[in-house]
């Protein structure tokens, strides 16, 4: 089942878990982040992906950069679609991402 989330709800879903954030395409600004934590700062209305030596933030103070944030319960992953200049991102818990990659490689092999 899919569910629309706010940026704040996204941080609650992954509550301190390590996640992998991967891009779905390569146009505009794109990123791949491994073993990040998701943090939402209510004071600044800011969603962050924080890891060892990096932090990537999206501010919602004036206009939200997010077109949609959709959590797929069956796949245990979240898709963030942006309003401009950035391909969708997929978020999975770090351990489930490795299982997903292994399954994809087994299908191909």
PDB file of N, CA and C in Angstrom:
ATOM      1  N   UNK A   1       0.832  -1.168   0.000  1.00  0.00           N
ATOM      2  CA  UNK A   1       0.000   0.000   0.000  1.00  0.00           C
ATOM      3  C   UNK A   1       0.888   1.247   0.000  1.00  0.00           C
ATOM      4  N   UNK A   2       0.533   2.232  -0.813  1.00  0.00           N
ATOM      5  CA  UNK A   2       1.292   3.473  -0.865  1.00  0.00           C
ATOM      6  C   UNK A   2       0.610   4.554  -0.057  1.00  0.00           C
ATOM      7  N   UNK A   3       1.432   5.406   0.557  1.00  0.00           N
ATOM      8  CA  UNK A   3       0.903   6.465   1.394  1.00  0.00           C
ATOM      9  C   UNK A   3       1.699   7.740   1.152  1.00  0.00           C
ATOM     10  N   UNK A   4       0.999   8.858   0.960  1.00  0.00           N
ATOM     11  CA  UNK A   4       1.648  10.154   0.828  1.00  0.00           C
ATOM     12  C   UNK A   4       2.116  10.623   2.209  1.00  0.00           C
ATOM     13  N   UNK A   5       3.329  11.164   2.255  1.00  0.00           N
ATOM     14  CA  UNK A   5       3.899  11.643   3.509  1.00  0.00           C
ATOM     15  C   UNK A   5       4.306  13.106   3.384  1.00  0.00           C
ATOM     16  N   UNK A   6       4.410  13.767   4.520  1.00  0.00           N
ATOM     17  CA  UNK A   6       5.052  15.076   4.574  1.00  0.00           C
ATOM     18  C   UNK A   6       6.534  14.829   4.863  1.00  0.00           C
ATOM     19  N   UNK A   7       7.354  15.869   4.730  1.00  0.00           N
ATOM     20  CA  UNK A   7       8.775  15.736   5.038  1.00  0.00           C
ATOM     21  C   UNK A   7       8.974  15.337   6.500  1.00  0.00           C
ATOM     22  N   UNK A   8       8.176  15.912   7.387  1.00  0.00           N
ATOM     23  CA  UNK A   8       8.270  15.589   8.809  1.00  0.00           C
ATOM     24  C   UNK A   8       7.910  14.123   9.062  1.00  0.00           C
ATOM     25  N   UNK A   9       6.854  13.630   8.409  1.00  0.00           N
ATOM     26  CA  UNK A   9       6.448  12.224   8.564  1.00  0.00           C
ATOM     27  C   UNK A   9       7.514  11.281   8.026  1.00  0.00           C
ATOM     28  N   UNK A  10       8.205  11.691   6.971  1.00  0.00           N
ATOM     29  CA  UNK A  10       9.275  10.870   6.412  1.00  0.00           C
ATOM     30  C   UNK A  10      10.348  10.614   7.462  1.00  0.00           C
ATOM     31  N   UNK A  11      10.736  11.651   8.188  1.00  0.00           N
ATOM     32  CA  UNK A  11      11.746  11.500   9.237  1.00  0.00           C
ATOM     33  C   UNK A  11      11.260  10.550  10.332  1.00  0.00           C
ATOM     34  N   UNK A  12       9.977  10.571  10.631  1.00  0.00           N
ATOM     35  CA  UNK A  12       9.407   9.691  11.657  1.00  0.00           C
ATOM     36  C   UNK A  12       9.409   8.240  11.185  1.00  0.00           C
ATOM     37  N   UNK A  13       9.079   8.004   9.909  1.00  0.00           N
ATOM     38  CA  UNK A  13       9.053   6.633   9.363  1.00  0.00           C
ATOM     39  C   UNK A  13      10.403   5.950   9.525  1.00  0.00           C
ATOM     40  N   UNK A  14      11.478   6.682   9.276  1.00  0.00           N
ATOM     41  CA  UNK A  14      12.817   6.089   9.337  1.00  0.00           C
ATOM     42  C   UNK A  14      13.538   6.370  10.649  1.00  0.00           C
ATOM     43  N   UNK A  15      12.878   7.026  11.572  1.00  0.00           N
ATOM     44  CA  UNK A  15      13.319   7.337  12.928  1.00  0.00           C
ATOM     45  C   UNK A  15      14.710   6.835  13.326  1.00  0.00           C
ATOM     46  N   UNK A  16      15.742   7.515  12.877  1.00  0.00           N
ATOM     47  CA  UNK A  16      17.104   7.195  13.284  1.00  0.00           C
ATOM     48  C   UNK A  16      17.765   6.050  12.547  1.00  0.00           C
ATOM     49  N   UNK A  17      17.042   5.369  11.664  1.00  0.00           N
ATOM     50  CA  UNK A  17      17.622   4.249  10.917  1.00  0.00           C
ATOM     51  C   UNK A  17      18.588   4.761   9.854  1.00  0.00           C
ATOM     52  N   UNK A  18      19.576   3.955   9.536  1.00  0.00           N
ATOM     53  CA  UNK A  18      20.462   4.293   8.426  1.00  0.00           C
ATOM     54  C   UNK A  18      19.758   3.951   7.116  1.00  0.00           C
ATOM     55  N   UNK A  19      19.822   4.875   6.161  1.00  0.00           N
ATOM     56  CA  UNK A  19      19.150   4.682   4.880  1.00  0.00           C
ATOM     57  C   UNK A  19      20.124   4.909   3.734  1.00  0.00           C
ATOM     58  N   UNK A  20      19.766   4.373   2.573  1.00  0.00           N
ATOM     59  CA  UNK A  20      20.468   4.646   1.327  1.00  0.00           C
ATOM     60  C   UNK A  20      19.527   5.451   0.458  1.00  0.00           C
ATOM     61  N   UNK A  21      20.035   6.536  -0.103  1.00  0.00           N
ATOM     62  CA  UNK A  21      19.251   7.425  -0.945  1.00  0.00           C
ATOM     63  C   UNK A  21      19.857   7.342  -2.342  1.00  0.00           C
ATOM     64  N   UNK A  22      19.073   6.873  -3.307  1.00  0.00           N
ATOM     65  CA  UNK A  22      19.587   6.702  -4.662  1.00  0.00           C
ATOM     66  C   UNK A  22      18.718   7.444  -5.663  1.00  0.00           C
ATOM     67  N   UNK A  23      19.327   7.891  -6.731  1.00  0.00           N
ATOM     68  CA  UNK A  23      18.587   8.620  -7.762  1.00  0.00           C
ATOM     69  C   UNK A  23      17.945   7.649  -8.737  1.00  0.00           C
ATOM     70  N   UNK A  24      16.857   8.087  -9.341  1.00  0.00           N
ATOM     71  CA  UNK A  24      16.150   7.269 -10.319  1.00  0.00           C
ATOM     72  C   UNK A  24      16.552   7.610 -11.750  1.00  0.00           C
ATOM     73  N   UNK A  25      17.270   8.709 -11.943  1.00  0.00           N
ATOM     74  CA  UNK A  25      17.688   9.158 -13.266  1.00  0.00           C
ATOM     75  C   UNK A  25      18.919  10.041 -13.086  1.00  0.00           C
ATOM     76  N   UNK A  26      19.440  10.636 -14.166  1.00  0.00           N
ATOM     77  CA  UNK A  26      20.674  11.397 -14.039  1.00  0.00           C
ATOM     78  C   UNK A  26      20.595  12.832 -14.561  1.00  0.00           C
ATOM     79  N   UNK A  27      19.421  13.387 -14.727  1.00  0.00           N
ATOM     80  CA  UNK A  27      19.333  14.773 -15.187  1.00  0.00           C
ATOM     81  C   UNK A  27      19.385  15.738 -14.005  1.00  0.00           C
ATOM     82  N   UNK A  28      19.708  17.000 -14.289  1.00  0.00           N
ATOM     83  CA  UNK A  28      19.724  18.023 -13.240  1.00  0.00           C
ATOM     84  C   UNK A  28      20.702  17.672 -12.134  1.00  0.00           C
ATOM     85  N   UNK A  29      20.351  18.020 -10.931  1.00  0.00           N
ATOM     86  CA  UNK A  29      21.168  17.718  -9.757  1.00  0.00           C
ATOM     87  C   UNK A  29      20.776  16.318  -9.286  1.00  0.00           C
ATOM     88  N   UNK A  30      21.751  15.443  -9.112  1.00  0.00           N
ATOM     89  CA  UNK A  30      21.416  14.097  -8.635  1.00  0.00           C
ATOM     90  C   UNK A  30      22.427  13.662  -7.590  1.00  0.00           C
ATOM     91  N   UNK A  31      22.044  12.681  -6.788  1.00  0.00           N
ATOM     92  CA  UNK A  31      22.921  12.243  -5.702  1.00  0.00           C
ATOM     93  C   UNK A  31      22.657  10.787  -5.351  1.00  0.00           C
ATOM     94  N   UNK A  32      23.665  10.168  -4.790  1.00  0.00           N
ATOM     95  CA  UNK A  32      23.561   8.847  -4.189  1.00  0.00           C
ATOM     96  C   UNK A  32      24.229   8.948  -2.823  1.00  0.00           C
ATOM     97  N   UNK A  33      23.474   8.662  -1.780  1.00  0.00           N
ATOM     98  CA  UNK A  33      23.994   8.761  -0.418  1.00  0.00           C
ATOM     99  C   UNK A  33      23.845   7.402   0.264  1.00  0.00           C
ATOM    100  N   UNK A  34      24.871   6.956   0.923  1.00  0.00           N
ATOM    101  CA  UNK A  34      24.841   5.680   1.629  1.00  0.00           C
ATOM    102  C   UNK A  34      24.906   5.912   3.127  1.00  0.00           C
ATOM    103  N   UNK A  35      24.153   5.103   3.843  1.00  0.00           N
ATOM    104  CA  UNK A  35      24.183   5.086   5.311  1.00  0.00           C
ATOM    105  C   UNK A  35      23.958   6.473   5.908  1.00  0.00           C
ATOM    106  N   UNK A  36      22.870   7.101   5.482  1.00  0.00           N
ATOM    107  CA  UNK A  36      22.506   8.424   5.987  1.00  0.00           C
ATOM    108  C   UNK A  36      21.395   8.307   7.016  1.00  0.00           C
ATOM    109  N   UNK A  37      21.254   9.325   7.832  1.00  0.00           N
ATOM    110  CA  UNK A  37      20.109   9.445   8.740  1.00  0.00           C
ATOM    111  C   UNK A  37      19.245  10.582   8.225  1.00  0.00           C
ATOM    112  N   UNK A  38      17.946  10.441   8.393  1.00  0.00           N
ATOM    113  CA  UNK A  38      17.014  11.479   7.974  1.00  0.00           C
ATOM    114  C   UNK A  38      16.612  12.283   9.197  1.00  0.00           C
ATOM    115  N   UNK A  39      16.752  13.600   9.092  1.00  0.00           N
ATOM    116  CA  UNK A  39      16.446  14.500  10.196  1.00  0.00           C
ATOM    117  C   UNK A  39      15.522  15.599   9.683  1.00  0.00           C
ATOM    118  N   UNK A  40      14.499  15.924  10.461  1.00  0.00           N
ATOM    119  CA  UNK A  40      13.633  17.052  10.115  1.00  0.00           C
ATOM    120  C   UNK A  40      13.734  18.100  11.206  1.00  0.00           C
ATOM    121  N   UNK A  41      14.107  19.313  10.827  1.00  0.00           N
ATOM    122  CA  UNK A  41      14.215  20.432  11.762  1.00  0.00           C
ATOM    123  C   UNK A  41      12.962  21.287  11.625  1.00  0.00           C
ATOM    124  N   UNK A  42      12.093  21.237  12.632  1.00  0.00           N
ATOM    125  CA  UNK A  42      10.822  21.970  12.575  1.00  0.00           C
ATOM    126  C   UNK A  42      11.029  23.481  12.568  1.00  0.00           C
ATOM    127  N   UNK A  43      12.022  23.975  13.298  1.00  0.00           N
ATOM    128  CA  UNK A  43      12.245  25.415  13.371  1.00  0.00           C
ATOM    129  C   UNK A  43      12.570  26.015  12.002  1.00  0.00           C
ATOM    130  N   UNK A  44      13.357  25.293  11.220  1.00  0.00           N
ATOM    131  CA  UNK A  44      13.764  25.787   9.904  1.00  0.00           C
ATOM    132  C   UNK A  44      12.996  25.122   8.764  1.00  0.00           C
ATOM    133  N   UNK A  45      12.053  24.220   9.110  1.00  0.00           N
ATOM    134  CA  UNK A  45      11.285  23.470   8.110  1.00  0.00           C
ATOM    135  C   UNK A  45      12.232  22.869   7.076  1.00  0.00           C
ATOM    136  N   UNK A  46      13.179  22.073   7.574  1.00  0.00           N
ATOM    137  CA  UNK A  46      14.261  21.567   6.748  1.00  0.00           C
ATOM    138  C   UNK A  46      14.412  20.062   6.917  1.00  0.00           C
ATOM    139  N   UNK A  47      14.440  19.356   5.789  1.00  0.00           N
ATOM    140  CA  UNK A  47      14.685  17.921   5.759  1.00  0.00           C
ATOM    141  C   UNK A  47      16.144  17.707   5.390  1.00  0.00           C
ATOM    142  N   UNK A  48      16.855  16.897   6.181  1.00  0.00           N
ATOM    143  CA  UNK A  48      18.282  16.658   5.929  1.00  0.00           C
ATOM    144  C   UNK A  48      18.567  15.173   5.837  1.00  0.00           C
ATOM    145  N   UNK A  49      19.534  14.849   4.986  1.00  0.00           N
ATOM    146  CA  UNK A  49      20.138  13.527   4.947  1.00  0.00           C
ATOM    147  C   UNK A  49      21.544  13.735   5.480  1.00  0.00           C
ATOM    148  N   UNK A  50      21.860  13.107   6.619  1.00  0.00           N
ATOM    149  CA  UNK A  50      23.141  13.343   7.276  1.00  0.00           C
ATOM    150  C   UNK A  50      23.919  12.040   7.387  1.00  0.00           C
ATOM    151  N   UNK A  51      25.182  12.104   6.966  1.00  0.00           N
ATOM    152  CA  UNK A  51      26.056  10.946   7.045  1.00  0.00           C
ATOM    153  C   UNK A  51      27.419  11.358   7.539  1.00  0.00           C
ATOM    154  N   UNK A  52      28.344  10.427   7.479  1.00  0.00           N
ATOM    155  CA  UNK A  52      29.706  10.725   7.914  1.00  0.00           C
ATOM    156  C   UNK A  52      30.351  11.663   6.908  1.00  0.00           C
ATOM    157  N   UNK A  53      30.556  12.907   7.308  1.00  0.00           N
ATOM    158  CA  UNK A  53      31.237  13.861   6.456  1.00  0.00           C
ATOM    159  C   UNK A  53      30.359  14.599   5.461  1.00  0.00           C
ATOM    160  N   UNK A  54      29.050  14.424   5.516  1.00  0.00           N
ATOM    161  CA  UNK A  54      28.181  15.169   4.606  1.00  0.00           C
ATOM    162  C   UNK A  54      26.812  15.416   5.224  1.00  0.00           C
ATOM    163  N   UNK A  55      26.156  16.436   4.697  1.00  0.00           N
ATOM    164  CA  UNK A  55      24.771  16.746   5.057  1.00  0.00           C
ATOM    165  C   UNK A  55      24.140  17.413   3.839  1.00  0.00           C
ATOM    166  N   UNK A  56      22.998  16.894   3.402  1.00  0.00           N
ATOM    167  CA  UNK A  56      22.262  17.466   2.279  1.00  0.00           C
ATOM    168  C   UNK A  56      20.902  17.895   2.817  1.00  0.00           C
ATOM    169  N   UNK A  57      20.561  19.178   2.629  1.00  0.00           N
ATOM    170  CA  UNK A  57      19.339  19.732   3.214  1.00  0.00           C
ATOM    171  C   UNK A  57      18.396  20.267   2.143  1.00  0.00           C
ATOM    172  N   UNK A  58      17.111  20.132   2.423  1.00  0.00           N
ATOM    173  CA  UNK A  58      16.058  20.696   1.574  1.00  0.00           C
ATOM    174  C   UNK A  58      15.166  21.539   2.473  1.00  0.00           C
ATOM    175  N   UNK A  59      15.081  22.827   2.175  1.00  0.00           N
ATOM    176  CA  UNK A  59      14.327  23.750   3.002  1.00  0.00           C
ATOM    177  C   UNK A  59      12.939  23.967   2.437  1.00  0.00           C
ATOM    178  N   UNK A  60      11.920  23.891   3.294  1.00  0.00           N
ATOM    179  CA  UNK A  60      10.532  24.094   2.890  1.00  0.00           C
ATOM    180  C   UNK A  60       9.977  25.426   3.376  1.00  0.00           C
ATOM    181  N   UNK A  61      10.839  26.325   3.840  1.00  0.00           N
ATOM    182  CA  UNK A  61      10.399  27.548   4.494  1.00  0.00           C
ATOM    183  C   UNK A  61       9.481  28.403   3.617  1.00  0.00           C
ATOM    184  N   UNK A  62       9.875  28.689   2.389  1.00  0.00           N
ATOM    185  CA  UNK A  62       9.045  29.493   1.480  1.00  0.00           C
ATOM    186  C   UNK A  62       8.188  28.573   0.605  1.00  0.00           C
ATOM    187  N   UNK A  63       8.835  27.833  -0.278  1.00  0.00           N
ATOM    188  CA  UNK A  63       8.164  26.882  -1.166  1.00  0.00           C
ATOM    189  C   UNK A  63       8.808  25.520  -0.993  1.00  0.00           C
ATOM    190  N   UNK A  64       7.997  24.498  -0.992  1.00  0.00           N
ATOM    191  CA  UNK A  64       8.536  23.156  -0.851  1.00  0.00           C
ATOM    192  C   UNK A  64       9.180  22.706  -2.161  1.00  0.00           C
ATOM    193  N   UNK A  65      10.371  22.111  -2.091  1.00  0.00           N
ATOM    194  CA  UNK A  65      10.997  21.568  -3.297  1.00  0.00           C
ATOM    195  C   UNK A  65      10.386  20.222  -3.699  1.00  0.00           C
ATOM    196  N   UNK A  66       9.516  19.672  -2.830  1.00  0.00           N
ATOM    197  CA  UNK A  66       8.964  18.342  -3.064  1.00  0.00           C
ATOM    198  C   UNK A  66       7.621  18.411  -3.776  1.00  0.00           C
ATOM    199  N   UNK A  67       7.509  17.630  -4.851  1.00  0.00           N
ATOM    200  CA  UNK A  67       6.215  17.477  -5.504  1.00  0.00           C
ATOM    201  C   UNK A  67       5.395  16.451  -4.743  1.00  0.00           C
ATOM    202  N   UNK A  68       6.072  15.352  -4.369  1.00  0.00           N
ATOM    203  CA  UNK A  68       5.404  14.328  -3.559  1.00  0.00           C
ATOM    204  C   UNK A  68       6.444  13.484  -2.833  1.00  0.00           C
ATOM    205  N   UNK A  69       6.018  12.910  -1.702  1.00  0.00           N
ATOM    206  CA  UNK A  69       6.809  11.944  -0.936  1.00  0.00           C
ATOM    207  C   UNK A  69       5.878  10.761  -0.709  1.00  0.00           C
ATOM    208  N   UNK A  70       6.212   9.619  -1.315  1.00  0.00           N
ATOM    209  CA  UNK A  70       5.324   8.457  -1.272  1.00  0.00           C
ATOM    210  C   UNK A  70       6.040   7.262  -0.649  1.00  0.00           C
ATOM    211  N   UNK A  71       5.445   6.711   0.401  1.00  0.00           N
ATOM    212  CA  UNK A  71       5.985   5.528   1.057  1.00  0.00           C
ATOM    213  C   UNK A  71       5.238   4.304   0.552  1.00  0.00           C
ATOM    214  N   UNK A  72       5.987   3.294   0.090  1.00  0.00           N
ATOM    215  CA  UNK A  72       5.407   2.040  -0.390  1.00  0.00           C
ATOM    216  C   UNK A  72       5.659   0.971   0.662  1.00  0.00           C
ATOM    217  N   UNK A  73       4.616   0.587   1.371  1.00  0.00           N
ATOM    218  CA  UNK A  73       4.725  -0.371   2.470  1.00  0.00           C
ATOM    219  C   UNK A  73       5.217  -1.734   1.987  1.00  0.00           C
ATOM    220  N   UNK A  74       4.723  -2.187   0.842  1.00  0.00           N
ATOM    221  CA  UNK A  74       5.102  -3.508   0.322  1.00  0.00           C
ATOM    222  C   UNK A  74       6.588  -3.569  -0.029  1.00  0.00           C
ATOM    223  N   UNK A  75       7.091  -2.515  -0.647  1.00  0.00           N
ATOM    224  CA  UNK A  75       8.500  -2.477  -1.052  1.00  0.00           C
ATOM    225  C   UNK A  75       9.417  -1.973   0.061  1.00  0.00           C
ATOM    226  N   UNK A  76       8.824  -1.411   1.119  1.00  0.00           N
ATOM    227  CA  UNK A  76       9.595  -0.828   2.225  1.00  0.00           C
ATOM    228  C   UNK A  76      10.555   0.250   1.707  1.00  0.00           C
ATOM    229  N   UNK A  77      10.028   1.112   0.829  1.00  0.00           N
ATOM    230  CA  UNK A  77      10.851   2.198   0.304  1.00  0.00           C
ATOM    231  C   UNK A  77      10.008   3.445   0.092  1.00  0.00           C
ATOM    232  N   UNK A  78      10.683   4.562  -0.028  1.00  0.00           N
ATOM    233  CA  UNK A  78      10.030   5.850  -0.223  1.00  0.00           C
ATOM    234  C   UNK A  78      10.564   6.487  -1.494  1.00  0.00           C
ATOM    235  N   UNK A  79       9.681   7.124  -2.240  1.00  0.00           N
ATOM    236  CA  UNK A  79      10.086   7.866  -3.429  1.00  0.00           C
ATOM    237  C   UNK A  79       9.785   9.345  -3.191  1.00  0.00           C
ATOM    238  N   UNK A  80      10.806  10.180  -3.396  1.00  0.00           N
ATOM    239  CA  UNK A  80      10.625  11.625  -3.319  1.00  0.00           C
ATOM    240  C   UNK A  80      10.694  12.174  -4.735  1.00  0.00           C
ATOM    241  N   UNK A  81       9.640  12.848  -5.145  1.00  0.00           N
ATOM    242  CA  UNK A  81       9.646  13.526  -6.441  1.00  0.00           C
ATOM    243  C   UNK A  81       9.734  15.016  -6.183  1.00  0.00           C
ATOM    244  N   UNK A  82      10.574  15.674  -6.971  1.00  0.00           N
ATOM    245  CA  UNK A  82      10.854  17.091  -6.783  1.00  0.00           C
ATOM    246  C   UNK A  82      10.098  17.946  -7.789  1.00  0.00           C
ATOM    247  N   UNK A  83       9.889  19.212  -7.411  1.00  0.00           N
ATOM    248  CA  UNK A  83       9.168  20.112  -8.289  1.00  0.00           C
ATOM    249  C   UNK A  83      10.019  20.534  -9.487  1.00  0.00           C
ATOM    250  N   UNK A  84      11.336  20.627  -9.337  1.00  0.00           N
ATOM    251  CA  UNK A  84      12.185  21.052 -10.455  1.00  0.00           C
ATOM    252  C   UNK A  84      13.612  20.527 -10.318  1.00  0.00           C
ATOM    253  N   UNK A  85      14.257  20.352 -11.448  1.00  0.00           N
ATOM    254  CA  UNK A  85      15.699  20.195 -11.592  1.00  0.00           C
ATOM    255  C   UNK A  85      16.355  19.026 -10.872  1.00  0.00           C
ATOM    256  N   UNK A  86      15.587  18.072 -10.453  1.00  0.00           N
ATOM    257  CA  UNK A  86      16.195  16.951  -9.751  1.00  0.00           C
ATOM    258  C   UNK A  86      15.380  15.695 -10.005  1.00  0.00           C
ATOM    259  N   UNK A  87      16.067  14.590 -10.346  1.00  0.00           N
ATOM    260  CA  UNK A  87      15.332  13.347 -10.570  1.00  0.00           C
ATOM    261  C   UNK A  87      14.792  12.802  -9.248  1.00  0.00           C
ATOM    262  N   UNK A  88      13.782  11.939  -9.331  1.00  0.00           N
ATOM    263  CA  UNK A  88      13.250  11.335  -8.096  1.00  0.00           C
ATOM    264  C   UNK A  88      14.333  10.574  -7.332  1.00  0.00           C
ATOM    265  N   UNK A  89      14.180  10.541  -6.025  1.00  0.00           N
ATOM    266  CA  UNK A  89      15.079   9.782  -5.154  1.00  0.00           C
ATOM    267  C   UNK A  89      14.319   8.629  -4.526  1.00  0.00           C
ATOM    268  N   UNK A  90      14.996   7.504  -4.369  1.00  0.00           N
ATOM    269  CA  UNK A  90      14.432   6.357  -3.663  1.00  0.00           C
ATOM    270  C   UNK A  90      15.183   6.196  -2.355  1.00  0.00           C
ATOM    271  N   UNK A  91      14.429   5.983  -1.280  1.00  0.00           N
ATOM    272  CA  UNK A  91      15.016   5.810   0.049  1.00  0.00           C
ATOM    273  C   UNK A  91      14.664   4.414   0.551  1.00  0.00           C
ATOM    274  N   UNK A  92      15.699   3.687   0.978  1.00  0.00           N
ATOM    275  CA  UNK A  92      15.519   2.361   1.575  1.00  0.00           C
ATOM    276  C   UNK A  92      16.408   2.274   2.806  1.00  0.00           C
ATOM    277  N   UNK A  93      15.972   1.498   3.786  1.00  0.00           N
ATOM    278  CA  UNK A  93      16.861   1.231   4.915  1.00  0.00           C
ATOM    279  C   UNK A  93      18.119   0.562   4.351  1.00  0.00           C
ATOM    280  N   UNK A  94      19.265   0.862   4.914  1.00  0.00           N
ATOM    281  CA  UNK A  94      20.534   0.378   4.364  1.00  0.00           C
ATOM    282  C   UNK A  94      20.570  -1.134   4.204  1.00  0.00           C
ATOM    283  N   UNK A  95      20.065  -1.883   5.168  1.00  0.00           N
ATOM    284  CA  UNK A  95      20.082  -3.343   5.060  1.00  0.00           C
ATOM    285  C   UNK A  95      19.148  -3.842   3.957  1.00  0.00           C
ATOM    286  N   UNK A  96      17.996  -3.203   3.757  1.00  0.00           N
ATOM    287  CA  UNK A  96      17.074  -3.647   2.719  1.00  0.00           C
ATOM    288  C   UNK A  96      17.589  -3.286   1.334  1.00  0.00           C
ATOM    289  N   UNK A  97      18.390  -2.233   1.227  1.00  0.00           N
ATOM    290  CA  UNK A  97      18.969  -1.863  -0.066  1.00  0.00           C
ATOM    291  C   UNK A  97      19.910  -2.963  -0.547  1.00  0.00           C
ATOM    292  N   UNK A  98      20.707  -3.510   0.337  1.00  0.00           N
ATOM    293  CA  UNK A  98      21.629  -4.576  -0.047  1.00  0.00           C
ATOM    294  C   UNK A  98      20.852  -5.820  -0.487  1.00  0.00           C
ATOM    295  N   UNK A  99      19.755  -6.130   0.193  1.00  0.00           N
ATOM    296  CA  UNK A  99      18.915  -7.264  -0.211  1.00  0.00           C
ATOM    297  C   UNK A  99      18.308  -7.014  -1.582  1.00  0.00           C
ATOM    298  N   UNK A 100      17.880  -5.771  -1.834  1.00  0.00           N
ATOM    299  CA  UNK A 100      17.301  -5.395  -3.120  1.00  0.00           C
ATOM    300  C   UNK A 100      18.332  -5.561  -4.240  1.00  0.00           C
ATOM    301  N   UNK A 101      19.555  -5.086  -4.022  1.00  0.00           N
ATOM    302  CA  UNK A 101      20.605  -5.222  -5.033  1.00  0.00           C
ATOM    303  C   UNK A 101      20.905  -6.685  -5.329  1.00  0.00           C
ATOM    304  N   UNK A 102      20.973  -7.484  -4.292  1.00  0.00           N
ATOM    305  CA  UNK A 102      21.249  -8.909  -4.467  1.00  0.00           C
ATOM    306  C   UNK A 102      20.148  -9.564  -5.294  1.00  0.00           C
ATOM    307  N   UNK A 103      18.896  -9.252  -5.011  1.00  0.00           N
ATOM    308  CA  UNK A 103      17.778  -9.810  -5.769  1.00  0.00           C
ATOM    309  C   UNK A 103      17.826  -9.386  -7.234  1.00  0.00           C
ATOM    310  N   UNK A 104      18.177  -8.118  -7.490  1.00  0.00           N
ATOM    311  CA  UNK A 104      18.267  -7.612  -8.865  1.00  0.00           C
ATOM    312  C   UNK A 104      19.387  -8.334  -9.621  1.00  0.00           C
ATOM    313  N   UNK A 105      20.519  -8.544  -8.966  1.00  0.00           N
ATOM    314  CA  UNK A 105      21.636  -9.241  -9.608  1.00  0.00           C
ATOM    315  C   UNK A 105      21.281 -10.699  -9.897  1.00  0.00           C
ATOM    316  N   UNK A 106      20.548 -11.345  -9.013  1.00  0.00           N
ATOM    317  CA  UNK A 106      20.129 -12.723  -9.224  1.00  0.00           C
ATOM    318  C   UNK A 106      19.164 -12.833 -10.402  1.00  0.00           C
ATOM    319  N   UNK A 107      18.293 -11.839 -10.575  1.00  0.00           N
ATOM    320  CA  UNK A 107      17.366 -11.815 -11.731  1.00  0.00           C
ATOM    321  C   UNK A 107      18.133 -11.715 -13.040  1.00  0.00           C
ATOM    322  N   UNK A 108      19.183 -10.883 -13.051  1.00  0.00           N
ATOM    323  CA  UNK A 108      19.971 -10.672 -14.261  1.00  0.00           C
ATOM    324  C   UNK A 108      20.875 -11.858 -14.587  1.00  0.00           C
ATOM    325  N   UNK A 109      21.335 -12.538 -13.538  1.00  0.00           N
ATOM    326  CA  UNK A 109      22.361 -13.548 -13.702  1.00  0.00           C
ATOM    327  C   UNK A 109      21.881 -14.873 -14.065  1.00  0.00           C
TER     328      UNK A 109
END
